[in-house]
Amino acid sequence: MLRSGRLDPYPDKREKHFQILQDESEYLLSLTNKVLTLSKLENYQLRLVKEEVQLRPMLEDLIGKYTAKAEKPVHFFPPAGVGVGVC
């Protein structure tokens, strides 16, 4: 779609799709690094450290990616009993 030029009249959409491409490239690099980390773990060359993470930014990022890729509108709702302020 990006190569076809169909998005040229829509610079905002084009930029959004390029940002998704960049994010996905970073994601692939992250996966590669995780495989290397697993290899170190299996060979007892790495120690794990437990830490807290913020889920909301991760979930918002995923929602943005899947919404942009979807052909139909996408709506996400938390499962019943899950508080919105938990993330």
Protein backbone atom coordinates (compact mmCIF):
# COMPACT_ATOMS: atom_id res chain seq x y z
CA MET A 1 0.00 0.00 0.00
CA LEU A 2 2.82 2.41 0.83
CA ARG A 3 4.69 1.64 -2.40
CA SER A 4 1.59 2.03 -4.56
CA GLY A 5 1.36 5.75 -3.76
CA ARG A 6 -2.28 5.42 -2.74
CA LEU A 7 -1.50 7.13 0.57
CA ASP A 8 0.31 10.11 -0.98
CA PRO A 9 -2.76 12.38 -0.68
CA TYR A 10 -3.01 11.33 2.98
CA PRO A 11 0.27 12.28 4.70
CA ASP A 12 -1.16 11.58 8.17
CA LYS A 13 -2.09 8.01 7.24
CA ARG A 14 1.22 7.50 5.48
CA GLU A 15 3.14 8.70 8.54
CA LYS A 16 1.05 6.47 10.79
CA HIS A 17 1.84 3.42 8.66
CA PHE A 18 5.54 4.27 8.51
CA GLN A 19 5.53 4.59 12.30
CA ILE A 20 3.95 1.14 12.54
CA LEU A 21 6.68 -0.23 10.25
CA GLN A 22 9.36 1.30 12.44
CA ASP A 23 7.71 -0.03 15.60
CA GLU A 24 7.40 -3.52 14.13
CA SER A 25 11.08 -3.45 13.10
CA GLU A 26 12.00 -2.55 16.66
CA TYR A 27 9.71 -5.34 17.85
CA LEU A 28 11.54 -7.89 15.65
CA LEU A 29 14.85 -6.68 17.04
CA SER A 30 13.42 -7.07 20.53
CA LEU A 31 12.34 -10.64 19.75
CA THR A 32 15.82 -11.45 18.49
CA ASN A 33 17.31 -10.09 21.69
CA LYS A 34 14.86 -12.16 23.73
CA VAL A 35 15.93 -15.32 21.92
CA LEU A 36 19.54 -14.49 22.75
CA THR A 37 18.55 -13.87 26.37
CA LEU A 38 16.78 -17.23 26.54
CA SER A 39 19.91 -18.87 25.23
CA LYS A 40 21.92 -17.23 28.03
CA LEU A 41 19.34 -18.38 30.58
CA GLU A 42 19.53 -21.95 29.34
CA ASN A 43 23.31 -21.85 29.72
CA TYR A 44 23.11 -20.33 33.23
CA GLN A 45 24.81 -17.14 32.06
CA LEU A 46 22.06 -14.73 33.10
CA ARG A 47 20.27 -13.84 36.32
CA LEU A 48 16.62 -12.72 36.42
CA VAL A 49 15.55 -9.64 38.38
CA LYS A 50 11.87 -9.12 39.18
CA GLU A 51 10.48 -5.59 38.58
CA GLU A 52 7.14 -3.85 38.17
CA VAL A 53 6.01 -2.65 34.75
CA GLN A 54 3.31 -0.26 33.58
CA LEU A 55 0.73 -2.16 31.54
CA ARG A 56 -1.33 0.78 30.29
CA PRO A 57 1.34 2.12 27.85
CA MET A 58 1.90 -1.39 26.47
CA LEU A 59 -1.82 -2.00 26.00
CA GLU A 60 -2.39 1.41 24.39
CA ASP A 61 0.45 0.69 21.96
CA LEU A 62 -1.06 -2.69 21.03
CA ILE A 63 -4.51 -1.16 20.59
CA GLY A 64 -3.06 1.47 18.25
CA LYS A 65 -1.26 -1.12 16.13
CA TYR A 66 -4.20 -3.48 15.78
CA THR A 67 -6.66 -0.65 15.14
CA ALA A 68 -4.46 0.70 12.32
CA LYS A 69 -4.09 -2.78 10.77
CA ALA A 70 -7.77 -3.72 11.01
CA GLU A 71 -10.05 -3.37 8.03
CA LYS A 72 -13.07 -2.91 10.32
CA PRO A 73 -13.33 -0.77 13.46
CA VAL A 74 -11.81 -2.41 16.53
CA HIS A 75 -13.07 -1.87 20.07
CA PHE A 76 -11.35 -3.22 23.17
CA PHE A 77 -13.15 -3.76 26.46
CA PRO A 78 -11.63 -5.00 29.73
CA PRO A 79 -12.88 -8.37 30.94
CA ALA A 80 -15.66 -8.30 33.52
CA GLY A 81 -14.31 -7.64 37.01
CA VAL A 82 -11.12 -5.94 35.82
CA GLY A 83 -10.76 -2.37 37.09
CA VAL A 84 -9.79 0.29 34.57
CA GLY A 85 -7.47 2.02 37.03
CA VAL A 86 -5.42 -1.13 37.63
CA CYS A 87 -2.85 -0.49 34.87
